[in-house]
Amino acid sequence: MQPIKYTFLFLFISFGLVSCSDDDSSTLNDPQDSTALEFRQDLNVSYGSDSNQVFDIYLPAGRTLNTKVMILVHGGGWTSGDKADMNPYKDVLLQEQPDIAIVNLNYRLADQNNLPIPMQTDDISAVINFLKANQNDYTISNDFGFTGVSAGGHLALLWSYTLDSDNDVKMVCSIVGPTNLADPEYTDNPIYAPLFEIFGDDITTDYLENSSPLHRVTASAPPTILFYGGLDPLVPTSQGVDMNAQLETLGIIHEFTLYENEGHGWVGLNLLDTWSKLKLFTETHLE
């Protein structure tokens, strides 16, 4: 899926927020509290040997081992994109939910020799393991939330539903993320063929289903919030509608918003509606 970085750019502009400095640290804590930890950010932290296996981490002032962590996953059709695409959303989080730690990650990009799954979900696992191994240094908890956009929404859902063996994920958000790669709306419609070239000519239905949150979700899934556009040229409406129905059937706490007249991203009032709902969902299930 193509990234919708401009969506979050407009969100950032709409709120008139000022992003944090690019310095490695900043004294955002209460100056009268000499024991409080200062704000800290580490950029391009390596969690693997590939140049794309890096993340940025933003640690709030006054954090403790109870501080929750939001993980951001960029889009780009599994083959492109960069964590910088999520920076506007990161900046909003820093201002609007300053008590949450933020991890903005890159992952290895797929090509004809490297299928996206399990490579990219393996990278998310590596990030989670790195955070846990460095929990005391970062002074964070093992309670994680995910927000993914487009292909990043797909990866966030898939990892949360299939690889969170310790039940560390407290909530997951997908914004225009594919949920069913085996959907006939995809596989039988030639207009989507270019999007699936990355999966190769010999890919099986089993692979597509095993790589699809819709087919892998269980009743133990974390609370889930979904946002989709009714006129999306890249993600059929069925991807959101069917996922919503499956979550309803399984009795999973969830919210679903379909903006009937929007495409693969939106601005204006609908964007503000998205942020308002996502912020409340995060406050309810992660903070």
C-alpha atoms as a PDB file:
ATOM      1  CA  MET A   1       0.000   0.000   0.000  1.00  0.00           C
ATOM      2  CA  GLN A   2       1.187   3.513  -0.638  1.00  0.00           C
ATOM      3  CA  PRO A   3       2.032   5.564   2.476  1.00  0.00           C
ATOM      4  CA  ILE A   4      -0.339   8.323   3.529  1.00  0.00           C
ATOM      5  CA  LYS A   5       2.310  10.510   5.087  1.00  0.00           C
ATOM      6  CA  TYR A   6       0.477  13.649   4.005  1.00  0.00           C
ATOM      7  CA  THR A   7      -2.479  12.619   6.139  1.00  0.00           C
ATOM      8  CA  PHE A   8      -0.451  12.933   9.294  1.00  0.00           C
ATOM      9  CA  LEU A   9       1.292  16.013   7.954  1.00  0.00           C
ATOM     10  CA  PHE A  10      -2.057  17.765   7.735  1.00  0.00           C
ATOM     11  CA  LEU A  11      -2.927  16.502  11.203  1.00  0.00           C
ATOM     12  CA  PHE A  12       0.281  18.012  12.508  1.00  0.00           C
ATOM     13  CA  ILE A  13      -0.425  21.323  10.817  1.00  0.00           C
ATOM     14  CA  SER A  14      -4.058  21.338  11.923  1.00  0.00           C
ATOM     15  CA  PHE A  15      -3.113  21.207  15.566  1.00  0.00           C
ATOM     16  CA  GLY A  16      -0.471  23.906  15.108  1.00  0.00           C
ATOM     17  CA  LEU A  17       1.970  21.918  17.175  1.00  0.00           C
ATOM     18  CA  VAL A  18       5.691  22.474  17.397  1.00  0.00           C
ATOM     19  CA  SER A  19       7.804  19.344  17.100  1.00  0.00           C
ATOM     20  CA  CYS A  20      10.475  18.492  19.596  1.00  0.00           C
ATOM     21  CA  SER A  21      14.078  19.340  18.942  1.00  0.00           C
ATOM     22  CA  ASP A  22      16.397  16.978  17.073  1.00  0.00           C
ATOM     23  CA  ASP A  23      18.763  17.082  20.033  1.00  0.00           C
ATOM     24  CA  ASP A  24      19.435  13.742  21.656  1.00  0.00           C
ATOM     25  CA  SER A  25      17.839  14.903  24.909  1.00  0.00           C
ATOM     26  CA  SER A  26      15.869  17.764  26.384  1.00  0.00           C
ATOM     27  CA  THR A  27      14.972  18.779  29.914  1.00  0.00           C
ATOM     28  CA  LEU A  28      11.199  18.544  29.773  1.00  0.00           C
ATOM     29  CA  ASN A  29      10.757  17.298  33.337  1.00  0.00           C
ATOM     30  CA  ASP A  30       9.683  19.401  36.295  1.00  0.00           C
ATOM     31  CA  PRO A  31      12.748  21.534  37.161  1.00  0.00           C
ATOM     32  CA  GLN A  32      11.865  21.268  40.842  1.00  0.00           C
ATOM     33  CA  ASP A  33      12.045  17.450  40.716  1.00  0.00           C
ATOM     34  CA  SER A  34      15.738  16.629  40.639  1.00  0.00           C
ATOM     35  CA  THR A  35      15.049  12.886  40.699  1.00  0.00           C
ATOM     36  CA  ALA A  36      12.836  12.773  37.592  1.00  0.00           C
ATOM     37  CA  LEU A  37      14.313  11.369  34.429  1.00  0.00           C
ATOM     38  CA  GLU A  38      14.725  13.849  31.599  1.00  0.00           C
ATOM     39  CA  PHE A  39      13.241  13.526  28.144  1.00  0.00           C
ATOM     40  CA  ARG A  40      15.475  11.397  25.951  1.00  0.00           C
ATOM     41  CA  GLN A  41      15.488  10.479  22.310  1.00  0.00           C
ATOM     42  CA  ASP A  42      17.756   8.003  20.573  1.00  0.00           C
ATOM     43  CA  LEU A  43      17.672   8.042  16.779  1.00  0.00           C
ATOM     44  CA  ASN A  44      18.491   5.236  14.366  1.00  0.00           C
ATOM     45  CA  VAL A  45      18.998   2.619  17.049  1.00  0.00           C
ATOM     46  CA  SER A  46      20.132  -0.587  15.336  1.00  0.00           C
ATOM     47  CA  TYR A  47      18.248  -3.765  16.191  1.00  0.00           C
ATOM     48  CA  GLY A  48      19.722  -5.938  13.410  1.00  0.00           C
ATOM     49  CA  SER A  49      22.454  -6.136  10.789  1.00  0.00           C
ATOM     50  CA  ASP A  50      20.445  -4.667   7.888  1.00  0.00           C
ATOM     51  CA  SER A  51      20.571  -0.909   7.317  1.00  0.00           C
ATOM     52  CA  ASN A  52      16.759  -0.770   7.510  1.00  0.00           C
ATOM     53  CA  GLN A  53      16.676  -2.450  10.906  1.00  0.00           C
ATOM     54  CA  VAL A  54      16.694   0.759  12.934  1.00  0.00           C
ATOM     55  CA  PHE A  55      14.222   2.687  15.063  1.00  0.00           C
ATOM     56  CA  ASP A  56      13.856   6.032  16.789  1.00  0.00           C
ATOM     57  CA  ILE A  57      12.765   6.056  20.423  1.00  0.00           C
ATOM     58  CA  TYR A  58      11.340   8.998  22.367  1.00  0.00           C
ATOM     59  CA  LEU A  59      11.257   8.603  26.142  1.00  0.00           C
ATOM     60  CA  PRO A  60       9.121  10.984  28.225  1.00  0.00           C
ATOM     61  CA  ALA A  61      10.379  12.978  31.145  1.00  0.00           C
ATOM     62  CA  GLY A  62       9.525  11.502  34.520  1.00  0.00           C
ATOM     63  CA  ARG A  63       9.083   8.020  33.077  1.00  0.00           C
ATOM     64  CA  THR A  64       9.037   4.870  35.194  1.00  0.00           C
ATOM     65  CA  LEU A  65       8.942   1.138  34.594  1.00  0.00           C
ATOM     66  CA  ASN A  66       5.174   1.590  34.204  1.00  0.00           C
ATOM     67  CA  THR A  67       5.534   3.899  31.190  1.00  0.00           C
ATOM     68  CA  LYS A  68       3.632   2.542  28.185  1.00  0.00           C
ATOM     69  CA  VAL A  69       5.073   2.395  24.665  1.00  0.00           C
ATOM     70  CA  MET A  70       3.410   3.254  21.345  1.00  0.00           C
ATOM     71  CA  ILE A  71       5.025   1.628  18.304  1.00  0.00           C
ATOM     72  CA  LEU A  72       4.548   3.300  14.915  1.00  0.00           C
ATOM     73  CA  VAL A  73       4.681   1.257  11.688  1.00  0.00           C
ATOM     74  CA  HIS A  74       4.932   3.080   8.361  1.00  0.00           C
ATOM     75  CA  GLY A  75       3.302   2.092   5.098  1.00  0.00           C
ATOM     76  CA  GLY A  76       4.623   1.836   1.556  1.00  0.00           C
ATOM     77  CA  GLY A  77       3.231  -1.320  -0.013  1.00  0.00           C
ATOM     78  CA  TRP A  78       5.722  -3.495   1.922  1.00  0.00           C
ATOM     79  CA  THR A  79       8.399  -2.397  -0.595  1.00  0.00           C
ATOM     80  CA  SER A  80       8.994   1.261   0.248  1.00  0.00           C
ATOM     81  CA  GLY A  81       8.354   3.922   2.868  1.00  0.00           C
ATOM     82  CA  ASP A  82      10.321   5.078   5.864  1.00  0.00           C
ATOM     83  CA  LYS A  83       9.793   5.838   9.544  1.00  0.00           C
ATOM     84  CA  ALA A  84      10.078   9.518   8.640  1.00  0.00           C
ATOM     85  CA  ASP A  85       6.611   9.180   7.089  1.00  0.00           C
ATOM     86  CA  MET A  86       5.251   8.774  10.629  1.00  0.00           C
ATOM     87  CA  ASN A  87       7.108  11.741  12.111  1.00  0.00           C
ATOM     88  CA  PRO A  88       4.111  14.109  11.983  1.00  0.00           C
ATOM     89  CA  TYR A  89       2.059  11.612  14.009  1.00  0.00           C
ATOM     90  CA  LYS A  90       5.007  11.171  16.356  1.00  0.00           C
ATOM     91  CA  ASP A  91       5.099  14.926  16.876  1.00  0.00           C
ATOM     92  CA  VAL A  92       1.385  14.983  17.708  1.00  0.00           C
ATOM     93  CA  LEU A  93       1.867  12.176  20.227  1.00  0.00           C
ATOM     94  CA  LEU A  94       4.752  13.995  21.893  1.00  0.00           C
ATOM     95  CA  GLN A  95       2.520  17.004  22.462  1.00  0.00           C
ATOM     96  CA  GLU A  96      -0.868  15.414  23.094  1.00  0.00           C
ATOM     97  CA  GLN A  97       0.120  12.254  25.002  1.00  0.00           C
ATOM     98  CA  PRO A  98       3.481  13.171  26.525  1.00  0.00           C
ATOM     99  CA  ASP A  99       3.518  10.383  29.106  1.00  0.00           C
ATOM    100  CA  ILE A 100       3.783   7.644  26.466  1.00  0.00           C
ATOM    101  CA  ALA A 101       7.117   6.462  25.078  1.00  0.00           C
ATOM    102  CA  ILE A 102       7.221   6.289  21.280  1.00  0.00           C
ATOM    103  CA  VAL A 103       9.086   3.892  19.012  1.00  0.00           C
ATOM    104  CA  ASN A 104       9.089   4.750  15.305  1.00  0.00           C
ATOM    105  CA  LEU A 105      10.560   1.843  13.384  1.00  0.00           C
ATOM    106  CA  ASN A 106      11.944   0.930  10.011  1.00  0.00           C
ATOM    107  CA  TYR A 107      11.842  -2.637   8.764  1.00  0.00           C
ATOM    108  CA  ARG A 108      13.425  -4.547   5.907  1.00  0.00           C
ATOM    109  CA  LEU A 109      11.663  -3.844   2.623  1.00  0.00           C
ATOM    110  CA  ALA A 110      10.348  -6.631   0.461  1.00  0.00           C
ATOM    111  CA  ASP A 111      11.549  -7.395  -3.059  1.00  0.00           C
ATOM    112  CA  GLN A 112      11.309 -10.302  -5.484  1.00  0.00           C
ATOM    113  CA  ASN A 113      13.791 -12.291  -3.407  1.00  0.00           C
ATOM    114  CA  ASN A 114      12.363 -11.427   0.007  1.00  0.00           C
ATOM    115  CA  LEU A 115       8.667 -11.835   0.746  1.00  0.00           C
ATOM    116  CA  PRO A 116       7.253  -9.358   3.256  1.00  0.00           C
ATOM    117  CA  ILE A 117       5.932 -12.075   5.556  1.00  0.00           C
ATOM    118  CA  PRO A 118       7.509 -13.322   7.770  1.00  0.00           C
ATOM    119  CA  MET A 119      10.482 -11.003   7.193  1.00  0.00           C
ATOM    120  CA  GLN A 120       8.724  -7.839   8.340  1.00  0.00           C
ATOM    121  CA  THR A 121       6.854  -9.372  11.265  1.00  0.00           C
ATOM    122  CA  ASP A 122      10.179 -10.921  12.316  1.00  0.00           C
ATOM    123  CA  ASP A 123      11.590  -7.400  12.401  1.00  0.00           C
ATOM    124  CA  ILE A 124       8.792  -6.260  14.695  1.00  0.00           C
ATOM    125  CA  SER A 125       9.569  -9.220  16.955  1.00  0.00           C
ATOM    126  CA  ALA A 126      13.213  -8.159  16.996  1.00  0.00           C
ATOM    127  CA  VAL A 127      12.234  -4.627  18.036  1.00  0.00           C
ATOM    128  CA  ILE A 128      10.003  -5.924  20.830  1.00  0.00           C
ATOM    129  CA  ASN A 129      12.789  -8.217  22.080  1.00  0.00           C
ATOM    130  CA  PHE A 130      15.275  -5.324  21.948  1.00  0.00           C
ATOM    131  CA  LEU A 131      12.969  -3.091  23.974  1.00  0.00           C
ATOM    132  CA  LYS A 132      12.474  -5.784  26.581  1.00  0.00           C
ATOM    133  CA  ALA A 133      16.208  -6.477  26.810  1.00  0.00           C
ATOM    134  CA  ASN A 134      16.827  -2.755  27.372  1.00  0.00           C
ATOM    135  CA  GLN A 135      13.796  -2.096  29.547  1.00  0.00           C
ATOM    136  CA  ASN A 136      15.799  -0.889  32.543  1.00  0.00           C
ATOM    137  CA  ASP A 137      17.992   1.397  30.462  1.00  0.00           C
ATOM    138  CA  TYR A 138      14.982   2.977  28.753  1.00  0.00           C
ATOM    139  CA  THR A 139      12.840   2.852  31.915  1.00  0.00           C
ATOM    140  CA  ILE A 140       9.701   1.637  30.173  1.00  0.00           C
ATOM    141  CA  SER A 141       7.122  -1.086  30.687  1.00  0.00           C
ATOM    142  CA  ASN A 142       6.350  -4.102  28.540  1.00  0.00           C
ATOM    143  CA  ASP A 143       2.923  -2.689  27.696  1.00  0.00           C
ATOM    144  CA  PHE A 144       2.802  -1.814  24.006  1.00  0.00           C
ATOM    145  CA  GLY A 145       0.382  -0.210  21.607  1.00  0.00           C
ATOM    146  CA  PHE A 146       0.629  -0.227  17.815  1.00  0.00           C
ATOM    147  CA  THR A 147      -0.437   2.325  15.234  1.00  0.00           C
ATOM    148  CA  GLY A 148       0.152   1.344  11.627  1.00  0.00           C
ATOM    149  CA  VAL A 149      -0.746   3.057   8.372  1.00  0.00           C
ATOM    150  CA  SER A 150      -1.529   1.186   5.133  1.00  0.00           C
ATOM    151  CA  ALA A 151       0.898  -1.758   4.863  1.00  0.00           C
ATOM    152  CA  GLY A 152       2.049  -0.782   8.350  1.00  0.00           C
ATOM    153  CA  GLY A 153      -1.517  -1.241   9.588  1.00  0.00           C
ATOM    154  CA  HIS A 154      -1.512  -4.742   8.123  1.00  0.00           C
ATOM    155  CA  LEU A 155       1.790  -5.549   9.862  1.00  0.00           C
ATOM    156  CA  ALA A 156       0.629  -4.079  13.182  1.00  0.00           C
ATOM    157  CA  LEU A 157      -2.540  -6.161  13.168  1.00  0.00           C
ATOM    158  CA  LEU A 158      -0.802  -9.343  12.026  1.00  0.00           C
ATOM    159  CA  TRP A 159       1.928  -9.147  14.658  1.00  0.00           C
ATOM    160  CA  SER A 160      -0.492  -8.287  17.434  1.00  0.00           C
ATOM    161  CA  TYR A 161      -2.823 -11.145  16.510  1.00  0.00           C
ATOM    162  CA  THR A 162      -0.244 -13.872  15.871  1.00  0.00           C
ATOM    163  CA  LEU A 163       3.095 -13.196  17.560  1.00  0.00           C
ATOM    164  CA  ASP A 164       2.249 -11.475  20.848  1.00  0.00           C
ATOM    165  CA  SER A 165       2.753 -14.623  22.907  1.00  0.00           C
ATOM    166  CA  ASP A 166       3.180 -12.659  26.151  1.00  0.00           C
ATOM    167  CA  ASN A 167       0.017 -10.570  25.663  1.00  0.00           C
ATOM    168  CA  ASP A 168       2.024  -7.373  25.840  1.00  0.00           C
ATOM    169  CA  VAL A 169      -0.038  -5.515  23.226  1.00  0.00           C
ATOM    170  CA  LYS A 170      -2.788  -3.523  24.917  1.00  0.00           C
ATOM    171  CA  MET A 171      -4.246  -1.943  21.762  1.00  0.00           C
ATOM    172  CA  VAL A 172      -3.646  -1.859  18.025  1.00  0.00           C
ATOM    173  CA  CYS A 173      -4.734   0.646  15.386  1.00  0.00           C
ATOM    174  CA  SER A 174      -4.912   0.121  11.633  1.00  0.00           C
ATOM    175  CA  ILE A 175      -5.428   3.099   9.356  1.00  0.00           C
ATOM    176  CA  VAL A 176      -6.297   1.870   5.836  1.00  0.00           C
ATOM    177  CA  GLY A 177      -4.388  -1.368   6.448  1.00  0.00           C
ATOM    178  CA  PRO A 178      -5.111  -4.506   4.375  1.00  0.00           C
ATOM    179  CA  THR A 179      -6.642  -7.255   6.486  1.00  0.00           C
ATOM    180  CA  ASN A 180      -7.349 -10.082   4.011  1.00  0.00           C
ATOM    181  CA  LEU A 181      -4.796 -10.647   1.264  1.00  0.00           C
ATOM    182  CA  ALA A 182      -6.881 -13.571  -0.023  1.00  0.00           C
ATOM    183  CA  ASP A 183      -9.948 -11.369  -0.521  1.00  0.00           C
ATOM    184  CA  PRO A 184     -11.423 -11.917  -4.029  1.00  0.00           C
ATOM    185  CA  GLU A 185     -11.766  -8.143  -4.210  1.00  0.00           C
ATOM    186  CA  TYR A 186      -7.970  -8.230  -4.412  1.00  0.00           C
ATOM    187  CA  THR A 187      -7.136 -11.509  -6.101  1.00  0.00           C
ATOM    188  CA  ASP A 188      -9.822 -11.412  -8.825  1.00  0.00           C
ATOM    189  CA  ASN A 189      -9.550  -7.728  -9.711  1.00  0.00           C
ATOM    190  CA  PRO A 190      -6.791  -6.849 -12.211  1.00  0.00           C
ATOM    191  CA  ILE A 191      -6.534  -3.262 -10.987  1.00  0.00           C
ATOM    192  CA  TYR A 192      -4.877  -4.561  -7.823  1.00  0.00           C
ATOM    193  CA  ALA A 193      -2.418  -6.834  -9.642  1.00  0.00           C
ATOM    194  CA  PRO A 194       0.484  -4.347  -9.414  1.00  0.00           C
ATOM    195  CA  LEU A 195       0.119  -4.241  -5.647  1.00  0.00           C
ATOM    196  CA  PHE A 196       0.593  -7.995  -5.403  1.00  0.00           C
ATOM    197  CA  GLU A 197       3.590  -8.382  -7.675  1.00  0.00           C
ATOM    198  CA  ILE A 198       5.735  -8.430  -4.556  1.00  0.00           C
ATOM    199  CA  PHE A 199       4.157 -11.743  -3.524  1.00  0.00           C
ATOM    200  CA  GLY A 200       5.262 -13.436  -6.766  1.00  0.00           C
ATOM    201  CA  ASP A 201       3.470 -15.482  -9.397  1.00  0.00           C
ATOM    202  CA  ASP A 202       3.519 -18.726  -7.433  1.00  0.00           C
ATOM    203  CA  ILE A 203       2.159 -17.485  -4.142  1.00  0.00           C
ATOM    204  CA  THR A 204      -0.430 -19.765  -2.580  1.00  0.00           C
ATOM    205  CA  THR A 205      -3.795 -19.058  -1.040  1.00  0.00           C
ATOM    206  CA  ASP A 206      -2.470 -20.580   2.187  1.00  0.00           C
ATOM    207  CA  TYR A 207       0.333 -18.022   2.282  1.00  0.00           C
ATOM    208  CA  LEU A 208      -2.072 -15.152   1.680  1.00  0.00           C
ATOM    209  CA  GLU A 209      -4.467 -16.367   4.374  1.00  0.00           C
ATOM    210  CA  ASN A 210      -1.668 -17.016   6.870  1.00  0.00           C
ATOM    211  CA  SER A 211      -0.461 -13.471   6.193  1.00  0.00           C
ATOM    212  CA  SER A 212      -3.903 -11.954   6.752  1.00  0.00           C
ATOM    213  CA  PRO A 213      -5.128 -10.583  10.100  1.00  0.00           C
ATOM    214  CA  LEU A 214      -8.698 -11.532   9.182  1.00  0.00           C
ATOM    215  CA  HIS A 215      -7.767 -15.216   9.006  1.00  0.00           C
ATOM    216  CA  ARG A 216      -5.426 -15.196  12.008  1.00  0.00           C
ATOM    217  CA  VAL A 217      -7.326 -13.185  14.611  1.00  0.00           C
ATOM    218  CA  THR A 218      -8.592 -15.043  17.682  1.00  0.00           C
ATOM    219  CA  ALA A 219     -10.786 -14.202  20.643  1.00  0.00           C
ATOM    220  CA  SER A 220      -7.676 -13.262  22.656  1.00  0.00           C
ATOM    221  CA  ALA A 221      -6.787 -10.376  20.338  1.00  0.00           C
ATOM    222  CA  PRO A 222      -6.135  -6.967  21.928  1.00  0.00           C
ATOM    223  CA  PRO A 223      -8.555  -4.054  21.606  1.00  0.00           C
ATOM    224  CA  THR A 224      -8.514  -2.886  18.004  1.00  0.00           C
ATOM    225  CA  ILE A 225      -9.450   0.384  16.311  1.00  0.00           C
ATOM    226  CA  LEU A 226      -9.871   0.608  12.527  1.00  0.00           C
ATOM    227  CA  PHE A 227     -10.165   3.510  10.075  1.00  0.00           C
ATOM    228  CA  TYR A 228     -10.945   3.084   6.358  1.00  0.00           C
ATOM    229  CA  GLY A 229     -12.000   5.107   3.347  1.00  0.00           C
ATOM    230  CA  GLY A 230     -14.999   4.119   1.253  1.00  0.00           C
ATOM    231  CA  LEU A 231     -13.353   5.358  -1.963  1.00  0.00           C
ATOM    232  CA  ASP A 232      -9.885   3.940  -1.311  1.00  0.00           C
ATOM    233  CA  PRO A 233      -8.260   2.994  -4.647  1.00  0.00           C
ATOM    234  CA  LEU A 234      -5.711   0.718  -2.949  1.00  0.00           C
ATOM    235  CA  VAL A 235      -7.645  -1.017  -0.163  1.00  0.00           C
ATOM    236  CA  PRO A 236     -11.133  -2.352  -0.975  1.00  0.00           C
ATOM    237  CA  THR A 237     -13.854  -1.383   1.481  1.00  0.00           C
ATOM    238  CA  SER A 238     -14.322  -5.083   2.262  1.00  0.00           C
ATOM    239  CA  GLN A 239     -10.951  -5.068   4.052  1.00  0.00           C
ATOM    240  CA  GLY A 240     -12.294  -2.891   6.834  1.00  0.00           C
ATOM    241  CA  VAL A 241     -15.908  -4.048   6.798  1.00  0.00           C
ATOM    242  CA  ASP A 242     -15.016  -7.753   6.987  1.00  0.00           C
ATOM    243  CA  MET A 243     -12.417  -7.200   9.706  1.00  0.00           C
ATOM    244  CA  ASN A 244     -14.967  -5.279  11.737  1.00  0.00           C
ATOM    245  CA  ALA A 245     -17.462  -8.128  11.374  1.00  0.00           C
ATOM    246  CA  GLN A 246     -14.879 -10.702  12.455  1.00  0.00           C
ATOM    247  CA  LEU A 247     -13.955  -8.710  15.542  1.00  0.00           C
ATOM    248  CA  GLU A 248     -17.646  -8.404  16.364  1.00  0.00           C
ATOM    249  CA  THR A 249     -18.131 -12.164  16.002  1.00  0.00           C
ATOM    250  CA  LEU A 250     -15.180 -12.906  18.275  1.00  0.00           C
ATOM    251  CA  GLY A 251     -16.320 -10.416  20.910  1.00  0.00           C
ATOM    252  CA  ILE A 252     -13.126  -8.360  20.759  1.00  0.00           C
ATOM    253  CA  ILE A 253     -13.234  -4.791  22.032  1.00  0.00           C
ATOM    254  CA  HIS A 254     -13.032  -2.684  18.904  1.00  0.00           C
ATOM    255  CA  GLU A 255     -14.069   0.442  17.053  1.00  0.00           C
ATOM    256  CA  PHE A 256     -14.554   0.841  13.312  1.00  0.00           C
ATOM    257  CA  THR A 257     -14.900   4.024  11.298  1.00  0.00           C
ATOM    258  CA  LEU A 258     -15.592   4.059   7.570  1.00  0.00           C
ATOM    259  CA  TYR A 259     -15.390   7.466   5.943  1.00  0.00           C
ATOM    260  CA  GLU A 260     -17.622   6.807   2.950  1.00  0.00           C
ATOM    261  CA  ASN A 261     -16.274   9.598   0.749  1.00  0.00           C
ATOM    262  CA  GLU A 262     -12.587   9.308   1.590  1.00  0.00           C
ATOM    263  CA  GLY A 263      -9.770   7.485  -0.172  1.00  0.00           C
ATOM    264  CA  HIS A 264      -6.383   6.219   1.013  1.00  0.00           C
ATOM    265  CA  GLY A 265      -6.031   8.981   3.592  1.00  0.00           C
ATOM    266  CA  TRP A 266      -7.912  12.166   4.433  1.00  0.00           C
ATOM    267  CA  VAL A 267      -7.583  15.658   5.856  1.00  0.00           C
ATOM    268  CA  GLY A 268      -9.844  18.229   7.480  1.00  0.00           C
ATOM    269  CA  LEU A 269     -12.661  17.325   9.853  1.00  0.00           C
ATOM    270  CA  ASN A 270     -12.454  13.601   9.199  1.00  0.00           C
ATOM    271  CA  LEU A 271      -8.778  13.635  10.077  1.00  0.00           C
ATOM    272  CA  LEU A 272      -9.514  15.451  13.309  1.00  0.00           C
ATOM    273  CA  ASP A 273     -12.211  12.847  13.989  1.00  0.00           C
ATOM    274  CA  THR A 274      -9.640  10.086  13.464  1.00  0.00           C
ATOM    275  CA  TRP A 275      -7.199  11.651  15.900  1.00  0.00           C
ATOM    276  CA  SER A 276      -9.905  12.313  18.492  1.00  0.00           C
ATOM    277  CA  LYS A 277     -11.058   8.684  18.407  1.00  0.00           C
ATOM    278  CA  LEU A 278      -7.541   7.268  18.368  1.00  0.00           C
ATOM    279  CA  LYS A 279      -6.435   9.447  21.264  1.00  0.00           C
ATOM    280  CA  LEU A 280      -9.407   8.388  23.405  1.00  0.00           C
ATOM    281  CA  PHE A 281      -8.892   4.717  22.486  1.00  0.00           C
ATOM    282  CA  THR A 282      -5.223   4.972  23.453  1.00  0.00           C
ATOM    283  CA  GLU A 283      -6.033   6.708  26.739  1.00  0.00           C
ATOM    284  CA  THR A 284      -8.561   3.974  27.526  1.00  0.00           C
ATOM    285  CA  HIS A 285      -6.479   0.930  26.698  1.00  0.00           C
ATOM    286  CA  LEU A 286      -2.807   1.920  26.855  1.00  0.00           C
ATOM    287  CA  GLU A 287      -2.322   4.709  29.388  1.00  0.00           C
END
